[in-house]
Amino acid sequence: MSFFKSLFGGGKPDSSGKRAEHKGFTIEAAVYPEGGQFQLAGVISKEIDGTVKQHRYVRADRFASAREAADRALDKGRQIVDEQGDKVFG
């Protein structure tokens, strides 16, 4: 299964309900099964001037459980927000 297909609606993400707020951003895990493991992926969103902006990310990391992948996806999302802030959207 292609990770693009999984990330953009062709797969079956298993976020395990993991979501976090960080510095005004919402970070949601969007992990998906890949090769017998779970691929780290997520979505960062924020409302800016009345419009919700989103940034999707996928990393090479894979984990044995969806829960561990989701936890790490939130950590990675926080790191992205800390490093890029609003620049992540453009």
PDB file of N, CA and C in Angstrom:
ATOM      1  N   MET A   1       0.847  -1.171   0.000  1.00  0.00           N
ATOM      2  CA  MET A   1       0.000   0.000   0.000  1.00  0.00           C
ATOM      3  C   MET A   1       0.894   1.236   0.000  1.00  0.00           C
ATOM      4  N   SER A   2       0.643   2.143  -0.888  1.00  0.00           N
ATOM      5  CA  SER A   2       1.407   3.376  -0.993  1.00  0.00           C
ATOM      6  C   SER A   2       1.123   4.285   0.199  1.00  0.00           C
ATOM      7  N   PHE A   3       2.175   4.916   0.749  1.00  0.00           N
ATOM      8  CA  PHE A   3       1.934   5.796   1.881  1.00  0.00           C
ATOM      9  C   PHE A   3       1.149   7.030   1.467  1.00  0.00           C
ATOM     10  N   PHE A   4       1.273   7.486   0.207  1.00  0.00           N
ATOM     11  CA  PHE A   4       0.474   8.611  -0.254  1.00  0.00           C
ATOM     12  C   PHE A   4      -1.008   8.239  -0.262  1.00  0.00           C
ATOM     13  N   LYS A   5      -1.308   7.025  -0.730  1.00  0.00           N
ATOM     14  CA  LYS A   5      -2.685   6.556  -0.763  1.00  0.00           C
ATOM     15  C   LYS A   5      -3.257   6.511   0.651  1.00  0.00           C
ATOM     16  N   SER A   6      -2.471   6.020   1.595  1.00  0.00           N
ATOM     17  CA  SER A   6      -2.928   5.943   2.977  1.00  0.00           C
ATOM     18  C   SER A   6      -3.127   7.323   3.576  1.00  0.00           C
ATOM     19  N   LEU A   7      -2.184   8.203   3.332  1.00  0.00           N
ATOM     20  CA  LEU A   7      -2.233   9.526   3.940  1.00  0.00           C
ATOM     21  C   LEU A   7      -3.368  10.378   3.377  1.00  0.00           C
ATOM     22  N   PHE A   8      -3.633  10.228   2.095  1.00  0.00           N
ATOM     23  CA  PHE A   8      -4.609  11.103   1.456  1.00  0.00           C
ATOM     24  C   PHE A   8      -5.931  10.417   1.151  1.00  0.00           C
ATOM     25  N   GLY A   9      -6.297   9.437   1.974  1.00  0.00           N
ATOM     26  CA  GLY A   9      -7.646   8.905   1.888  1.00  0.00           C
ATOM     27  C   GLY A   9      -7.780   7.516   1.323  1.00  0.00           C
ATOM     28  N   GLY A  10      -6.747   6.918   0.791  1.00  0.00           N
ATOM     29  CA  GLY A  10      -6.874   5.591   0.218  1.00  0.00           C
ATOM     30  C   GLY A  10      -6.626   4.486   1.209  1.00  0.00           C
ATOM     31  N   GLY A  11      -6.052   4.806   2.338  1.00  0.00           N
ATOM     32  CA  GLY A  11      -5.747   3.800   3.343  1.00  0.00           C
ATOM     33  C   GLY A  11      -6.664   3.923   4.531  1.00  0.00           C
ATOM     34  N   LYS A  12      -6.319   3.241   5.574  1.00  0.00           N
ATOM     35  CA  LYS A  12      -7.162   3.239   6.767  1.00  0.00           C
ATOM     36  C   LYS A  12      -6.324   3.717   7.945  1.00  0.00           C
ATOM     37  N   PRO A  13      -6.241   5.029   8.171  1.00  0.00           N
ATOM     38  CA  PRO A  13      -5.436   5.531   9.284  1.00  0.00           C
ATOM     39  C   PRO A  13      -5.968   5.040  10.627  1.00  0.00           C
ATOM     40  N   ASP A  14      -5.059   4.838  11.549  1.00  0.00           N
ATOM     41  CA  ASP A  14      -5.428   4.418  12.902  1.00  0.00           C
ATOM     42  C   ASP A  14      -4.760   5.380  13.865  1.00  0.00           C
ATOM     43  N   SER A  15      -5.411   6.500  14.110  1.00  0.00           N
ATOM     44  CA  SER A  15      -4.804   7.521  14.963  1.00  0.00           C
ATOM     45  C   SER A  15      -4.964   7.200  16.435  1.00  0.00           C
ATOM     46  N   SER A  16      -5.737   6.184  16.751  1.00  0.00           N
ATOM     47  CA  SER A  16      -5.984   5.801  18.140  1.00  0.00           C
ATOM     48  C   SER A  16      -6.535   6.965  18.956  1.00  0.00           C
ATOM     49  N   GLY A  17      -7.176   7.915  18.292  1.00  0.00           N
ATOM     50  CA  GLY A  17      -7.776   9.039  18.983  1.00  0.00           C
ATOM     51  C   GLY A  17      -6.769  10.007  19.582  1.00  0.00           C
ATOM     52  N   LYS A  18      -5.534   9.943  19.156  1.00  0.00           N
ATOM     53  CA  LYS A  18      -4.489  10.794  19.731  1.00  0.00           C
ATOM     54  C   LYS A  18      -4.509  12.169  19.086  1.00  0.00           C
ATOM     55  N   ARG A  19      -4.644  13.182  19.946  1.00  0.00           N
ATOM     56  CA  ARG A  19      -4.678  14.574  19.504  1.00  0.00           C
ATOM     57  C   ARG A  19      -4.087  15.418  20.608  1.00  0.00           C
ATOM     58  N   ALA A  20      -3.419  16.500  20.239  1.00  0.00           N
ATOM     59  CA  ALA A  20      -2.826  17.393  21.232  1.00  0.00           C
ATOM     60  C   ALA A  20      -2.910  18.831  20.743  1.00  0.00           C
ATOM     61  N   GLU A  21      -2.992  19.733  21.690  1.00  0.00           N
ATOM     62  CA  GLU A  21      -2.903  21.165  21.416  1.00  0.00           C
ATOM     63  C   GLU A  21      -1.499  21.595  21.820  1.00  0.00           C
ATOM     64  N   HIS A  22      -0.873  22.416  20.967  1.00  0.00           N
ATOM     65  CA  HIS A  22       0.490  22.871  21.257  1.00  0.00           C
ATOM     66  C   HIS A  22       0.692  24.241  20.635  1.00  0.00           C
ATOM     67  N   LYS A  23       0.879  25.248  21.471  1.00  0.00           N
ATOM     68  CA  LYS A  23       1.161  26.617  21.025  1.00  0.00           C
ATOM     69  C   LYS A  23       0.140  27.132  20.021  1.00  0.00           C
ATOM     70  N   GLY A  24      -1.141  26.804  20.239  1.00  0.00           N
ATOM     71  CA  GLY A  24      -2.202  27.273  19.359  1.00  0.00           C
ATOM     72  C   GLY A  24      -2.457  26.392  18.150  1.00  0.00           C
ATOM     73  N   PHE A  25      -1.710  25.340  17.986  1.00  0.00           N
ATOM     74  CA  PHE A  25      -1.874  24.398  16.891  1.00  0.00           C
ATOM     75  C   PHE A  25      -2.563  23.134  17.420  1.00  0.00           C
ATOM     76  N   THR A  26      -3.275  22.441  16.544  1.00  0.00           N
ATOM     77  CA  THR A  26      -3.814  21.127  16.866  1.00  0.00           C
ATOM     78  C   THR A  26      -2.992  20.111  16.107  1.00  0.00           C
ATOM     79  N   ILE A  27      -2.532  19.103  16.815  1.00  0.00           N
ATOM     80  CA  ILE A  27      -1.728  18.045  16.202  1.00  0.00           C
ATOM     81  C   ILE A  27      -2.511  16.752  16.367  1.00  0.00           C
ATOM     82  N   GLU A  28      -2.718  16.034  15.266  1.00  0.00           N
ATOM     83  CA  GLU A  28      -3.459  14.786  15.305  1.00  0.00           C
ATOM     84  C   GLU A  28      -2.635  13.683  14.654  1.00  0.00           C
ATOM     85  N   ALA A  29      -2.509  12.569  15.359  1.00  0.00           N
ATOM     86  CA  ALA A  29      -1.814  11.413  14.798  1.00  0.00           C
ATOM     87  C   ALA A  29      -2.669  10.822  13.680  1.00  0.00           C
ATOM     88  N   ALA A  30      -2.027  10.384  12.605  1.00  0.00           N
ATOM     89  CA  ALA A  30      -2.728   9.760  11.477  1.00  0.00           C
ATOM     90  C   ALA A  30      -1.924   8.556  11.001  1.00  0.00           C
ATOM     91  N   VAL A  31      -1.499   7.738  11.930  1.00  0.00           N
ATOM     92  CA  VAL A  31      -0.662   6.580  11.594  1.00  0.00           C
ATOM     93  C   VAL A  31      -1.459   5.574  10.777  1.00  0.00           C
ATOM     94  N   TYR A  32      -0.747   4.754  10.015  1.00  0.00           N
ATOM     95  CA  TYR A  32      -1.414   3.752   9.190  1.00  0.00           C
ATOM     96  C   TYR A  32      -0.548   2.503   9.100  1.00  0.00           C
ATOM     97  N   PRO A  33      -1.191   1.345   8.877  1.00  0.00           N
ATOM     98  CA  PRO A  33      -0.432   0.099   8.786  1.00  0.00           C
ATOM     99  C   PRO A  33       0.397   0.060   7.503  1.00  0.00           C
ATOM    100  N   GLU A  34       1.614  -0.404   7.631  1.00  0.00           N
ATOM    101  CA  GLU A  34       2.529  -0.505   6.493  1.00  0.00           C
ATOM    102  C   GLU A  34       3.554  -1.585   6.801  1.00  0.00           C
ATOM    103  N   GLY A  35       3.608  -2.600   6.001  1.00  0.00           N
ATOM    104  CA  GLY A  35       4.622  -3.639   6.155  1.00  0.00           C
ATOM    105  C   GLY A  35       4.570  -4.355   7.492  1.00  0.00           C
ATOM    106  N   GLY A  36       3.389  -4.581   8.029  1.00  0.00           N
ATOM    107  CA  GLY A  36       3.255  -5.277   9.298  1.00  0.00           C
ATOM    108  C   GLY A  36       3.522  -4.415  10.524  1.00  0.00           C
ATOM    109  N   GLN A  37       3.762  -3.132  10.310  1.00  0.00           N
ATOM    110  CA  GLN A  37       3.980  -2.194  11.406  1.00  0.00           C
ATOM    111  C   GLN A  37       3.097  -0.968  11.180  1.00  0.00           C
ATOM    112  N   PHE A  38       3.302   0.074  11.970  1.00  0.00           N
ATOM    113  CA  PHE A  38       2.521   1.297  11.827  1.00  0.00           C
ATOM    114  C   PHE A  38       3.443   2.461  11.507  1.00  0.00           C
ATOM    115  N   GLN A  39       3.119   3.159  10.426  1.00  0.00           N
ATOM    116  CA  GLN A  39       3.916   4.278   9.920  1.00  0.00           C
ATOM    117  C   GLN A  39       3.581   5.547  10.685  1.00  0.00           C
ATOM    118  N   LEU A  40       4.598   6.303  11.068  1.00  0.00           N
ATOM    119  CA  LEU A  40       4.406   7.571  11.758  1.00  0.00           C
ATOM    120  C   LEU A  40       3.909   8.614  10.762  1.00  0.00           C
ATOM    121  N   ALA A  41       2.754   9.204  11.050  1.00  0.00           N
ATOM    122  CA  ALA A  41       2.183  10.253  10.212  1.00  0.00           C
ATOM    123  C   ALA A  41       1.243  11.092  11.067  1.00  0.00           C
ATOM    124  N   GLY A  42       1.019  12.321  10.631  1.00  0.00           N
ATOM    125  CA  GLY A  42       0.130  13.181  11.393  1.00  0.00           C
ATOM    126  C   GLY A  42      -0.299  14.403  10.608  1.00  0.00           C
ATOM    127  N   VAL A  43      -1.153  15.195  11.251  1.00  0.00           N
ATOM    128  CA  VAL A  43      -1.667  16.420  10.652  1.00  0.00           C
ATOM    129  C   VAL A  43      -1.554  17.532  11.690  1.00  0.00           C
ATOM    130  N   ILE A  44      -0.990  18.651  11.260  1.00  0.00           N
ATOM    131  CA  ILE A  44      -0.913  19.854  12.087  1.00  0.00           C
ATOM    132  C   ILE A  44      -1.917  20.837  11.499  1.00  0.00           C
ATOM    133  N   SER A  45      -2.755  21.431  12.339  1.00  0.00           N
ATOM    134  CA  SER A  45      -3.728  22.396  11.833  1.00  0.00           C
ATOM    135  C   SER A  45      -3.820  23.605  12.768  1.00  0.00           C
ATOM    136  N   LYS A  46      -4.269  24.707  12.173  1.00  0.00           N
ATOM    137  CA  LYS A  46      -4.449  25.935  12.935  1.00  0.00           C
ATOM    138  C   LYS A  46      -5.376  26.843  12.139  1.00  0.00           C
ATOM    139  N   GLU A  47      -6.260  27.537  12.844  1.00  0.00           N
ATOM    140  CA  GLU A  47      -7.118  28.514  12.185  1.00  0.00           C
ATOM    141  C   GLU A  47      -6.365  29.833  12.091  1.00  0.00           C
ATOM    142  N   ILE A  48      -6.250  30.330  10.865  1.00  0.00           N
ATOM    143  CA  ILE A  48      -5.563  31.591  10.607  1.00  0.00           C
ATOM    144  C   ILE A  48      -6.487  32.462   9.767  1.00  0.00           C
ATOM    145  N   ASP A  49      -6.842  33.616  10.279  1.00  0.00           N
ATOM    146  CA  ASP A  49      -7.730  34.550   9.582  1.00  0.00           C
ATOM    147  C   ASP A  49      -9.025  33.874   9.131  1.00  0.00           C
ATOM    148  N   GLY A  50      -9.595  33.028   9.980  1.00  0.00           N
ATOM    149  CA  GLY A  50     -10.865  32.389   9.692  1.00  0.00           C
ATOM    150  C   GLY A  50     -10.791  31.159   8.804  1.00  0.00           C
ATOM    151  N   THR A  51      -9.589  30.784   8.391  1.00  0.00           N
ATOM    152  CA  THR A  51      -9.403  29.615   7.535  1.00  0.00           C
ATOM    153  C   THR A  51      -8.548  28.594   8.262  1.00  0.00           C
ATOM    154  N   VAL A  52      -8.980  27.341   8.239  1.00  0.00           N
ATOM    155  CA  VAL A  52      -8.193  26.284   8.868  1.00  0.00           C
ATOM    156  C   VAL A  52      -7.129  25.820   7.882  1.00  0.00           C
ATOM    157  N   LYS A  53      -5.884  25.969   8.286  1.00  0.00           N
ATOM    158  CA  LYS A  53      -4.739  25.529   7.488  1.00  0.00           C
ATOM    159  C   LYS A  53      -4.286  24.176   8.016  1.00  0.00           C
ATOM    160  N   GLN A  54      -3.812  23.308   7.120  1.00  0.00           N
ATOM    161  CA  GLN A  54      -3.324  21.992   7.528  1.00  0.00           C
ATOM    162  C   GLN A  54      -1.990  21.681   6.875  1.00  0.00           C
ATOM    163  N   HIS A  55      -1.185  20.961   7.618  1.00  0.00           N
ATOM    164  CA  HIS A  55       0.080  20.434   7.096  1.00  0.00           C
ATOM    165  C   HIS A  55       0.136  18.960   7.461  1.00  0.00           C
ATOM    166  N   ARG A  56       0.266  18.101   6.465  1.00  0.00           N
ATOM    167  CA  ARG A  56       0.368  16.658   6.698  1.00  0.00           C
ATOM    168  C   ARG A  56       1.828  16.258   6.633  1.00  0.00           C
ATOM    169  N   TYR A  57       2.203  15.338   7.512  1.00  0.00           N
ATOM    170  CA  TYR A  57       3.584  14.867   7.509  1.00  0.00           C
ATOM    171  C   TYR A  57       3.639  13.356   7.674  1.00  0.00           C
ATOM    172  N   VAL A  58       4.647  12.773   7.046  1.00  0.00           N
ATOM    173  CA  VAL A  58       4.927  11.338   7.143  1.00  0.00           C
ATOM    174  C   VAL A  58       6.419  11.205   7.387  1.00  0.00           C
ATOM    175  N   ARG A  59       6.795  10.346   8.297  1.00  0.00           N
ATOM    176  CA  ARG A  59       8.202  10.093   8.571  1.00  0.00           C
ATOM    177  C   ARG A  59       8.501   8.618   8.312  1.00  0.00           C
ATOM    178  N   ALA A  60       9.739   8.296   8.146  1.00  0.00           N
ATOM    179  CA  ALA A  60      10.148   6.932   7.826  1.00  0.00           C
ATOM    180  C   ALA A  60       9.977   5.970   8.996  1.00  0.00           C
ATOM    181  N   ASP A  61       9.822   6.501  10.192  1.00  0.00           N
ATOM    182  CA  ASP A  61       9.740   5.659  11.387  1.00  0.00           C
ATOM    183  C   ASP A  61       8.507   4.759  11.358  1.00  0.00           C
ATOM    184  N   ARG A  62       8.720   3.503  11.758  1.00  0.00           N
ATOM    185  CA  ARG A  62       7.618   2.537  11.902  1.00  0.00           C
ATOM    186  C   ARG A  62       7.703   1.897  13.277  1.00  0.00           C
ATOM    187  N   PHE A  63       6.524   1.531  13.812  1.00  0.00           N
ATOM    188  CA  PHE A  63       6.445   0.982  15.165  1.00  0.00           C
ATOM    189  C   PHE A  63       5.557  -0.251  15.169  1.00  0.00           C
ATOM    190  N   ALA A  64       5.766  -1.103  16.149  1.00  0.00           N
ATOM    191  CA  ALA A  64       5.003  -2.347  16.257  1.00  0.00           C
ATOM    192  C   ALA A  64       3.550  -2.092  16.644  1.00  0.00           C
ATOM    193  N   SER A  65       3.290  -1.022  17.386  1.00  0.00           N
ATOM    194  CA  SER A  65       1.905  -0.743  17.804  1.00  0.00           C
ATOM    195  C   SER A  65       1.449   0.624  17.292  1.00  0.00           C
ATOM    196  N   ALA A  66       0.146   0.701  17.026  1.00  0.00           N
ATOM    197  CA  ALA A  66      -0.440   1.969  16.585  1.00  0.00           C
ATOM    198  C   ALA A  66      -0.313   3.019  17.686  1.00  0.00           C
ATOM    199  N   ARG A  67      -0.444   2.589  18.920  1.00  0.00           N
ATOM    200  CA  ARG A  67      -0.359   3.530  20.043  1.00  0.00           C
ATOM    201  C   ARG A  67       1.020   4.190  20.121  1.00  0.00           C
ATOM    202  N   GLU A  68       2.070   3.393  20.003  1.00  0.00           N
ATOM    203  CA  GLU A  68       3.432   3.947  20.044  1.00  0.00           C
ATOM    204  C   GLU A  68       3.668   4.883  18.862  1.00  0.00           C
ATOM    205  N   ALA A  69       3.216   4.481  17.680  1.00  0.00           N
ATOM    206  CA  ALA A  69       3.366   5.331  16.492  1.00  0.00           C
ATOM    207  C   ALA A  69       2.610   6.642  16.674  1.00  0.00           C
ATOM    208  N   ALA A  70       1.408   6.583  17.256  1.00  0.00           N
ATOM    209  CA  ALA A  70       0.615   7.793  17.481  1.00  0.00           C
ATOM    210  C   ALA A  70       1.292   8.711  18.496  1.00  0.00           C
ATOM    211  N   ASP A  71       1.827   8.143  19.560  1.00  0.00           N
ATOM    212  CA  ASP A  71       2.547   8.951  20.556  1.00  0.00           C
ATOM    213  C   ASP A  71       3.730   9.661  19.920  1.00  0.00           C
ATOM    214  N   ARG A  72       4.487   8.947  19.114  1.00  0.00           N
ATOM    215  CA  ARG A  72       5.652   9.542  18.459  1.00  0.00           C
ATOM    216  C   ARG A  72       5.237  10.557  17.397  1.00  0.00           C
ATOM    217  N   ALA A  73       4.081  10.341  16.744  1.00  0.00           N
ATOM    218  CA  ALA A  73       3.573  11.295  15.762  1.00  0.00           C
ATOM    219  C   ALA A  73       3.256  12.629  16.426  1.00  0.00           C
ATOM    220  N   LEU A  74       2.695  12.579  17.628  1.00  0.00           N
ATOM    221  CA  LEU A  74       2.419  13.820  18.361  1.00  0.00           C
ATOM    222  C   LEU A  74       3.717  14.512  18.756  1.00  0.00           C
ATOM    223  N   ASP A  75       4.703  13.736  19.193  1.00  0.00           N
ATOM    224  CA  ASP A  75       6.010  14.316  19.527  1.00  0.00           C
ATOM    225  C   ASP A  75       6.619  15.002  18.311  1.00  0.00           C
ATOM    226  N   LYS A  76       6.562  14.337  17.152  1.00  0.00           N
ATOM    227  CA  LYS A  76       7.127  14.902  15.921  1.00  0.00           C
ATOM    228  C   LYS A  76       6.362  16.168  15.526  1.00  0.00           C
ATOM    229  N   GLY A  77       5.044  16.157  15.687  1.00  0.00           N
ATOM    230  CA  GLY A  77       4.253  17.345  15.378  1.00  0.00           C
ATOM    231  C   GLY A  77       4.642  18.527  16.250  1.00  0.00           C
ATOM    232  N   ARG A  78       4.854  18.277  17.538  1.00  0.00           N
ATOM    233  CA  ARG A  78       5.300  19.350  18.450  1.00  0.00           C
ATOM    234  C   ARG A  78       6.655  19.898  18.005  1.00  0.00           C
ATOM    235  N   GLN A  79       7.541  19.001  17.610  1.00  0.00           N
ATOM    236  CA  GLN A  79       8.860  19.429  17.152  1.00  0.00           C
ATOM    237  C   GLN A  79       8.745  20.303  15.902  1.00  0.00           C
ATOM    238  N   ILE A  80       7.899  19.911  14.965  1.00  0.00           N
ATOM    239  CA  ILE A  80       7.701  20.695  13.746  1.00  0.00           C
ATOM    240  C   ILE A  80       7.160  22.085  14.092  1.00  0.00           C
ATOM    241  N   VAL A  81       6.178  22.142  14.977  1.00  0.00           N
ATOM    242  CA  VAL A  81       5.603  23.428  15.394  1.00  0.00           C
ATOM    243  C   VAL A  81       6.677  24.286  16.065  1.00  0.00           C
ATOM    244  N   ASP A  82       7.469  23.693  16.953  1.00  0.00           N
ATOM    245  CA  ASP A  82       8.521  24.442  17.645  1.00  0.00           C
ATOM    246  C   ASP A  82       9.547  24.996  16.662  1.00  0.00           C
ATOM    247  N   GLU A  83       9.875  24.236  15.637  1.00  0.00           N
ATOM    248  CA  GLU A  83      10.901  24.655  14.679  1.00  0.00           C
ATOM    249  C   GLU A  83      10.378  25.620  13.620  1.00  0.00           C
ATOM    250  N   GLN A  84       9.124  25.433  13.164  1.00  0.00           N
ATOM    251  CA  GLN A  84       8.629  26.192  12.012  1.00  0.00           C
ATOM    252  C   GLN A  84       7.491  27.147  12.308  1.00  0.00           C
ATOM    253  N   GLY A  85       6.723  26.885  13.349  1.00  0.00           N
ATOM    254  CA  GLY A  85       5.577  27.746  13.643  1.00  0.00           C
ATOM    255  C   GLY A  85       4.635  27.850  12.461  1.00  0.00           C
ATOM    256  N   ASP A  86       4.102  29.049  12.202  1.00  0.00           N
ATOM    257  CA  ASP A  86       3.151  29.254  11.103  1.00  0.00           C
ATOM    258  C   ASP A  86       3.774  29.024   9.726  1.00  0.00           C
ATOM    259  N   LYS A  87       5.088  29.037   9.623  1.00  0.00           N
ATOM    260  CA  LYS A  87       5.756  28.821   8.340  1.00  0.00           C
ATOM    261  C   LYS A  87       5.502  27.421   7.786  1.00  0.00           C
ATOM    262  N   VAL A  88       5.050  26.515   8.642  1.00  0.00           N
ATOM    263  CA  VAL A  88       4.773  25.145   8.209  1.00  0.00           C
ATOM    264  C   VAL A  88       3.695  25.109   7.119  1.00  0.00           C
ATOM    265  N   PHE A  89       2.855  26.133   7.042  1.00  0.00           N
ATOM    266  CA  PHE A  89       1.760  26.159   6.084  1.00  0.00           C
ATOM    267  C   PHE A  89       2.126  26.794   4.754  1.00  0.00           C
ATOM    268  N   GLY A  90       3.284  27.315   4.630  1.00  0.00           N
ATOM    269  CA  GLY A  90       3.561  27.988   3.374  1.00  0.00           C
ATOM    270  C   GLY A  90       4.937  27.915   2.978  1.00  0.00           C
TER     271      GLY A  90
END
